[in-house]
Amino acid sequence: MDANKIIDALGGTFAVARLCKVKPPSVSEWRKHGIPDARLQYLMLARPEVFGPAPANDAGQEVDRAA
C-alpha cells in the first residue's frame, strides 16, 4: 500500500497528523516522499485494521510487520 492510500485510509492528512502529533504539512510531505519507517510502524500498531491481517510465514504463524 502506498503512502497516499495509507493516509487516505486513516482518514486523511489532518487525521494522520493528529494521530502522530505532527503538523499537517509534515504528513503532506509523506504523501510525496513516503511515510518514515518509525511513523509507519506506529501507524501499523495504532490502527492495525487499516493494514489488514499480518502475513503468515511458512509455518502459518503471523509475521511481525515491524521487523
N, C-alpha and C. Protein backbone atom coordinates (compact mmCIF):
# COMPACT_ATOMS: atom_id res chain seq x y z
N MET A 1 0.86 -1.17 0.00
CA MET A 1 0.00 0.00 0.00
C MET A 1 0.91 1.24 0.00
N ASP A 2 0.64 2.18 -0.88
CA ASP A 2 1.50 3.36 -0.93
C ASP A 2 1.05 4.40 0.11
N ALA A 3 1.89 5.41 0.31
CA ALA A 3 1.66 6.40 1.35
C ALA A 3 0.31 7.10 1.19
N ASN A 4 -0.06 7.47 -0.03
CA ASN A 4 -1.33 8.15 -0.24
C ASN A 4 -2.51 7.29 0.18
N LYS A 5 -2.48 6.02 -0.19
CA LYS A 5 -3.58 5.12 0.18
C LYS A 5 -3.65 4.93 1.69
N ILE A 6 -2.49 4.81 2.33
CA ILE A 6 -2.46 4.63 3.78
C ILE A 6 -3.04 5.86 4.47
N ILE A 7 -2.58 7.03 4.08
CA ILE A 7 -3.05 8.27 4.70
C ILE A 7 -4.55 8.44 4.47
N ASP A 8 -5.01 8.18 3.27
CA ASP A 8 -6.44 8.28 2.99
C ASP A 8 -7.25 7.28 3.82
N ALA A 9 -6.74 6.05 3.94
CA ALA A 9 -7.44 5.01 4.70
C ALA A 9 -7.50 5.36 6.19
N LEU A 10 -6.55 6.14 6.65
CA LEU A 10 -6.52 6.54 8.05
C LEU A 10 -7.34 7.80 8.32
N GLY A 11 -7.96 8.35 7.29
CA GLY A 11 -8.84 9.49 7.48
C GLY A 11 -8.33 10.78 6.89
N GLY A 12 -7.19 10.75 6.22
CA GLY A 12 -6.68 11.94 5.56
C GLY A 12 -5.53 12.59 6.30
N THR A 13 -5.03 13.63 5.68
CA THR A 13 -3.84 14.32 6.19
C THR A 13 -4.01 14.82 7.62
N PHE A 14 -5.11 15.49 7.90
CA PHE A 14 -5.31 16.07 9.23
C PHE A 14 -5.49 14.99 10.29
N ALA A 15 -6.19 13.92 9.97
CA ALA A 15 -6.38 12.83 10.93
C ALA A 15 -5.06 12.16 11.26
N VAL A 16 -4.23 11.93 10.26
CA VAL A 16 -2.93 11.30 10.50
C VAL A 16 -2.03 12.24 11.29
N ALA A 17 -2.08 13.52 10.97
CA ALA A 17 -1.29 14.49 11.73
C ALA A 17 -1.67 14.47 13.20
N ARG A 18 -2.97 14.44 13.48
CA ARG A 18 -3.44 14.37 14.87
C ARG A 18 -2.96 13.09 15.54
N LEU A 19 -3.09 11.98 14.83
CA LEU A 19 -2.71 10.67 15.38
C LEU A 19 -1.22 10.63 15.71
N CYS A 20 -0.39 11.21 14.85
CA CYS A 20 1.06 11.17 15.04
C CYS A 20 1.60 12.38 15.80
N LYS A 21 0.71 13.31 16.15
CA LYS A 21 1.09 14.53 16.87
C LYS A 21 2.15 15.32 16.11
N VAL A 22 1.87 15.52 14.81
CA VAL A 22 2.72 16.35 13.96
C VAL A 22 1.81 17.34 13.24
N LYS A 23 2.41 18.27 12.55
CA LYS A 23 1.63 19.26 11.80
C LYS A 23 1.25 18.68 10.43
N PRO A 24 0.07 19.07 9.92
CA PRO A 24 -0.39 18.56 8.63
C PRO A 24 0.61 18.71 7.48
N PRO A 25 1.39 19.79 7.40
CA PRO A 25 2.36 19.86 6.29
C PRO A 25 3.37 18.72 6.30
N SER A 26 3.68 18.20 7.49
CA SER A 26 4.60 17.06 7.56
C SER A 26 3.98 15.84 6.88
N VAL A 27 2.71 15.61 7.15
CA VAL A 27 2.01 14.47 6.54
C VAL A 27 1.88 14.68 5.03
N SER A 28 1.68 15.91 4.61
CA SER A 28 1.64 16.19 3.17
C SER A 28 2.96 15.82 2.51
N GLU A 29 4.06 16.05 3.18
CA GLU A 29 5.37 15.65 2.65
C GLU A 29 5.47 14.13 2.56
N TRP A 30 4.87 13.41 3.51
CA TRP A 30 4.90 11.95 3.47
C TRP A 30 4.21 11.45 2.21
N ARG A 31 3.18 12.17 1.76
CA ARG A 31 2.49 11.76 0.54
C ARG A 31 3.45 11.79 -0.65
N LYS A 32 4.39 12.73 -0.64
CA LYS A 32 5.34 12.88 -1.75
C LYS A 32 6.56 11.98 -1.60
N HIS A 33 7.05 11.83 -0.36
CA HIS A 33 8.34 11.18 -0.13
C HIS A 33 8.24 9.85 0.62
N GLY A 34 7.03 9.46 1.00
CA GLY A 34 6.85 8.22 1.75
C GLY A 34 6.78 8.48 3.24
N ILE A 35 6.12 7.59 3.93
CA ILE A 35 5.97 7.69 5.39
C ILE A 35 7.25 7.19 6.03
N PRO A 36 7.86 7.96 6.93
CA PRO A 36 9.07 7.49 7.60
C PRO A 36 8.82 6.16 8.31
N ASP A 37 9.82 5.30 8.31
CA ASP A 37 9.66 3.95 8.87
C ASP A 37 9.10 3.95 10.29
N ALA A 38 9.63 4.80 11.15
CA ALA A 38 9.17 4.82 12.54
C ALA A 38 7.70 5.22 12.63
N ARG A 39 7.29 6.19 11.82
CA ARG A 39 5.88 6.61 11.81
C ARG A 39 4.99 5.51 11.25
N LEU A 40 5.46 4.84 10.21
CA LEU A 40 4.68 3.75 9.63
C LEU A 40 4.48 2.63 10.64
N GLN A 41 5.52 2.28 11.37
CA GLN A 41 5.39 1.24 12.39
C GLN A 41 4.39 1.66 13.46
N TYR A 42 4.45 2.93 13.86
CA TYR A 42 3.50 3.44 14.84
C TYR A 42 2.07 3.33 14.32
N LEU A 43 1.87 3.75 13.08
CA LEU A 43 0.52 3.69 12.49
C LEU A 43 0.03 2.26 12.39
N MET A 44 0.91 1.33 12.07
CA MET A 44 0.53 -0.08 11.98
C MET A 44 0.10 -0.62 13.34
N LEU A 45 0.74 -0.15 14.39
CA LEU A 45 0.37 -0.58 15.74
C LEU A 45 -0.88 0.14 16.24
N ALA A 46 -1.00 1.41 15.90
CA ALA A 46 -2.14 2.21 16.38
C ALA A 46 -3.44 1.86 15.67
N ARG A 47 -3.36 1.52 14.38
CA ARG A 47 -4.56 1.26 13.57
C ARG A 47 -4.37 0.01 12.71
N PRO A 48 -4.17 -1.16 13.32
CA PRO A 48 -3.90 -2.37 12.54
C PRO A 48 -5.01 -2.74 11.56
N GLU A 49 -6.24 -2.33 11.84
CA GLU A 49 -7.36 -2.70 10.96
C GLU A 49 -7.20 -2.09 9.57
N VAL A 50 -6.48 -1.01 9.45
CA VAL A 50 -6.27 -0.37 8.15
C VAL A 50 -5.33 -1.20 7.29
N PHE A 51 -4.41 -1.90 7.93
CA PHE A 51 -3.38 -2.64 7.21
C PHE A 51 -3.73 -4.10 6.97
N GLY A 52 -4.83 -4.56 7.55
CA GLY A 52 -5.24 -5.94 7.36
C GLY A 52 -4.44 -6.89 8.23
N PRO A 53 -4.73 -8.18 8.12
CA PRO A 53 -4.02 -9.15 8.95
C PRO A 53 -2.55 -9.22 8.56
N ALA A 54 -1.72 -9.52 9.54
CA ALA A 54 -0.29 -9.69 9.29
C ALA A 54 -0.09 -10.92 8.42
N PRO A 55 0.85 -10.86 7.49
CA PRO A 55 1.09 -12.04 6.64
C PRO A 55 1.63 -13.19 7.47
N ALA A 56 1.35 -14.41 7.05
CA ALA A 56 1.83 -15.60 7.75
C ALA A 56 3.12 -16.08 7.11
N ASN A 57 3.97 -16.70 7.93
CA ASN A 57 5.19 -17.29 7.38
C ASN A 57 4.89 -18.72 6.92
N ASP A 58 5.88 -19.45 6.52
CA ASP A 58 5.67 -20.81 6.01
C ASP A 58 5.06 -21.75 7.05
N ALA A 59 5.28 -21.45 8.33
CA ALA A 59 4.75 -22.29 9.40
C ALA A 59 3.33 -21.88 9.78
N GLY A 60 2.78 -20.87 9.10
CA GLY A 60 1.42 -20.44 9.39
C GLY A 60 1.32 -19.46 10.55
N GLN A 61 2.47 -18.97 11.03
CA GLN A 61 2.48 -18.01 12.13
C GLN A 61 2.50 -16.60 11.59
N GLU A 62 1.89 -15.68 12.33
CA GLU A 62 1.91 -14.29 11.91
C GLU A 62 3.33 -13.78 11.92
N VAL A 63 3.64 -12.96 10.93
CA VAL A 63 4.95 -12.35 10.82
C VAL A 63 4.88 -10.97 11.43
N ASP A 64 5.89 -10.62 12.22
CA ASP A 64 5.95 -9.28 12.81
C ASP A 64 6.23 -8.28 11.71
N ARG A 65 5.26 -7.41 11.40
CA ARG A 65 5.42 -6.46 10.30
C ARG A 65 6.46 -5.40 10.63
N ALA A 66 6.70 -5.17 11.91
CA ALA A 66 7.64 -4.12 12.30
C ALA A 66 9.08 -4.58 12.17
N ALA A 67 9.32 -5.85 12.01
CA ALA A 67 10.69 -6.35 11.94
C ALA A 67 11.29 -6.11 10.59
